[in-house]
Amino acid sequence: MELALYVLAAALIVGGLLGSILPVLPGIPMVFGGIWLAAAVDGYQHLGVWWLVVIGALGVAGIAVDFVASTLGAKRVGASRRALWGAALGTVVGMFFGIPGLLIGPFAGALIGELASGNSVLRATHVGVGTWLGLLFGTLVKLVISFVMVGLFGLALLFG
């Protein structure tokens, strides 16, 4: 039974790393769940409470970055307040439409918000692209944080 739980923990971690890139899977929560499962099976001998708190805090930061990345991308290019709200709303609505929705939602939301502010189509497109680049940057940060979490897990196993 213990071996099966370790295999499940490894599958969660690998699936979480993939989920850091693919928006269909909840990447960081899966990585943390796999790490926590492995620690529990081990009886928390190598990975104690403080390691889990640090890894969990990193995970929370990664999730926060994921939610605000597209909005920050829009803000970076000088988007209007309506475009920022549009990017945030587009991200939330896009979640319900899988990968296409997560790719198009923030862009479309920022574009519509910027157009609603009375700006030109060119300016609105610029803001939409900035939003999309923010989303791409957020995915990169999420992936890096996921690997740092796994790296800390490995350090804890070696030195814990």
Protein backbone atom coordinates (compact mmCIF):
# COMPACT_ATOMS: atom_id res chain seq x y z
CA MET A 1 0.00 0.00 0.00
CA GLU A 2 2.86 2.35 0.84
CA LEU A 3 4.38 1.88 -2.61
CA ALA A 4 1.05 2.69 -4.27
CA LEU A 5 0.82 5.93 -2.28
CA TYR A 6 4.35 6.92 -3.30
CA VAL A 7 3.46 6.22 -6.94
CA LEU A 8 0.33 8.37 -6.55
CA ALA A 9 2.43 11.15 -4.97
CA ALA A 10 4.89 11.00 -7.88
CA ALA A 11 2.01 11.04 -10.39
CA LEU A 12 0.54 14.11 -8.68
CA ILE A 13 3.87 15.91 -8.80
CA VAL A 14 4.51 15.09 -12.47
CA GLY A 15 0.91 15.94 -13.36
CA GLY A 16 1.26 19.20 -11.45
CA LEU A 17 4.38 20.13 -13.37
CA LEU A 18 2.48 19.53 -16.59
CA GLY A 19 -0.43 21.50 -15.16
CA SER A 20 1.86 24.46 -14.63
CA ILE A 21 1.97 24.75 -18.40
CA LEU A 22 -1.44 23.34 -19.36
CA PRO A 23 -4.21 25.42 -17.83
CA VAL A 24 -6.55 22.43 -17.73
CA LEU A 25 -4.81 20.95 -14.67
CA PRO A 26 -4.38 22.75 -11.34
CA GLY A 27 -0.59 22.57 -11.45
CA ILE A 28 0.64 24.04 -8.19
CA PRO A 29 -2.05 22.43 -6.01
CA MET A 30 -1.26 19.05 -7.57
CA VAL A 31 2.48 19.49 -6.91
CA PHE A 32 1.79 20.45 -3.31
CA GLY A 33 -0.68 17.58 -2.89
CA GLY A 34 1.90 15.09 -4.15
CA ILE A 35 4.58 16.48 -1.85
CA TRP A 36 2.23 16.41 1.12
CA LEU A 37 1.14 12.84 0.33
CA ALA A 38 4.77 11.69 0.13
CA ALA A 39 5.53 13.42 3.44
CA ALA A 40 2.50 11.81 5.09
CA VAL A 41 3.41 8.33 3.85
CA ASP A 42 6.93 8.90 5.24
CA GLY A 43 5.43 9.87 8.58
CA TYR A 44 6.81 13.42 8.19
CA GLN A 45 10.28 12.12 9.05
CA HIS A 46 12.10 13.87 6.20
CA LEU A 47 9.64 16.63 5.44
CA GLY A 48 8.38 18.31 8.58
CA VAL A 49 5.84 21.03 9.18
CA TRP A 50 8.21 23.91 8.42
CA TRP A 51 9.21 22.47 5.06
CA LEU A 52 5.52 22.05 4.19
CA VAL A 53 4.73 25.60 5.32
CA VAL A 54 7.52 27.06 3.15
CA ILE A 55 6.55 24.93 0.14
CA GLY A 56 2.87 25.78 0.70
CA ALA A 57 3.64 29.52 0.92
CA LEU A 58 5.46 29.27 -2.41
CA GLY A 59 2.43 27.52 -3.83
CA VAL A 60 0.08 30.25 -2.63
CA ALA A 61 2.34 32.88 -4.18
CA GLY A 62 2.34 30.94 -7.46
CA ILE A 63 -1.45 30.72 -7.51
CA ALA A 64 -1.72 34.45 -6.79
CA VAL A 65 0.66 35.25 -9.67
CA ASP A 66 -1.40 33.04 -11.93
CA PHE A 67 -4.59 34.96 -11.18
CA VAL A 68 -3.17 38.48 -11.53
CA ALA A 69 -0.61 37.99 -14.32
CA SER A 70 -2.85 38.95 -17.22
CA THR A 71 -4.14 42.01 -15.37
CA LEU A 72 -0.59 43.10 -14.58
CA GLY A 73 0.35 42.64 -18.23
CA ALA A 74 -2.45 44.98 -19.23
CA LYS A 75 -1.45 47.49 -16.58
CA ARG A 76 2.16 47.39 -17.76
CA VAL A 77 1.17 48.73 -21.19
CA GLY A 78 -0.92 51.50 -19.68
CA ALA A 79 -4.37 49.96 -19.95
CA SER A 80 -7.42 51.84 -18.80
CA ARG A 81 -9.31 50.86 -15.66
CA ARG A 82 -12.03 49.24 -17.81
CA ALA A 83 -9.41 47.17 -19.66
CA LEU A 84 -8.00 45.92 -16.34
CA TRP A 85 -11.46 44.88 -15.22
CA GLY A 86 -12.06 43.34 -18.63
CA ALA A 87 -8.84 41.31 -18.41
CA ALA A 88 -9.76 40.04 -14.95
CA LEU A 89 -13.31 39.20 -16.03
CA GLY A 90 -12.04 37.58 -19.23
CA THR A 91 -9.71 35.37 -17.18
CA VAL A 92 -12.54 34.20 -14.92
CA VAL A 93 -14.96 33.59 -17.80
CA GLY A 94 -12.22 31.93 -19.86
CA MET A 95 -11.71 29.30 -17.16
CA PHE A 96 -15.03 27.76 -18.11
CA PHE A 97 -13.97 27.23 -21.73
CA GLY A 98 -10.77 25.26 -21.25
CA ILE A 99 -7.48 26.14 -22.91
CA PRO A 100 -8.98 28.30 -25.71
CA GLY A 101 -10.94 30.28 -23.14
CA LEU A 102 -7.89 30.82 -20.96
CA LEU A 103 -5.88 31.99 -23.92
CA ILE A 104 -8.53 34.19 -25.52
CA GLY A 105 -10.52 35.34 -22.46
CA PRO A 106 -8.00 37.79 -20.93
CA PHE A 107 -7.09 39.18 -24.35
CA ALA A 108 -10.72 39.66 -25.37
CA GLY A 109 -11.66 41.13 -21.98
CA ALA A 110 -8.88 43.70 -22.11
CA LEU A 111 -9.64 44.50 -25.74
CA ILE A 112 -13.34 45.06 -25.06
CA GLY A 113 -12.59 47.08 -21.92
CA GLU A 114 -10.15 49.33 -23.76
CA LEU A 115 -12.61 49.83 -26.62
CA ALA A 116 -15.31 50.69 -24.06
CA SER A 117 -12.99 53.40 -22.74
CA GLY A 118 -13.15 55.07 -26.15
CA ASN A 119 -9.67 54.17 -27.36
CA SER A 120 -8.78 53.10 -30.89
CA VAL A 121 -8.75 49.54 -32.11
CA LEU A 122 -4.95 49.70 -32.43
CA ARG A 123 -4.58 50.85 -28.82
CA ALA A 124 -7.06 48.22 -27.63
CA THR A 125 -5.15 45.51 -29.51
CA HIS A 126 -1.89 46.70 -27.94
CA VAL A 127 -3.46 46.37 -24.50
CA GLY A 128 -4.84 42.92 -25.39
CA VAL A 129 -1.39 41.73 -26.47
CA GLY A 130 0.11 43.13 -23.24
CA THR A 131 -2.49 41.15 -21.32
CA TRP A 132 -1.64 37.98 -23.20
CA LEU A 133 2.08 38.50 -22.59
CA GLY A 134 1.33 38.93 -18.89
CA LEU A 135 -0.49 35.61 -18.97
CA LEU A 136 2.51 33.99 -20.66
CA PHE A 137 4.86 35.48 -18.06
CA GLY A 138 2.56 34.23 -15.29
CA THR A 139 2.73 30.71 -16.72
CA LEU A 140 6.52 30.90 -16.74
CA VAL A 141 6.60 32.10 -13.12
CA LYS A 142 4.16 29.35 -12.14
CA LEU A 143 6.40 26.74 -13.78
CA VAL A 144 9.50 28.08 -12.03
CA ILE A 145 7.72 28.08 -8.66
CA SER A 146 6.57 24.49 -9.25
CA PHE A 147 10.16 23.40 -9.91
CA VAL A 148 11.37 25.29 -6.82
CA MET A 149 8.74 23.47 -4.75
CA VAL A 150 9.95 20.11 -6.09
CA GLY A 151 13.56 21.17 -5.50
CA LEU A 152 12.82 22.07 -1.88
CA PHE A 153 11.09 18.72 -1.51
CA GLY A 154 14.22 17.01 -2.81
CA LEU A 155 16.43 19.00 -0.42
CA ALA A 156 14.20 18.06 2.48
CA LEU A 157 14.44 14.39 1.54
CA LEU A 158 18.23 14.59 1.34
CA PHE A 159 18.91 16.69 4.41
CA GLY A 160 15.70 16.48 6.46
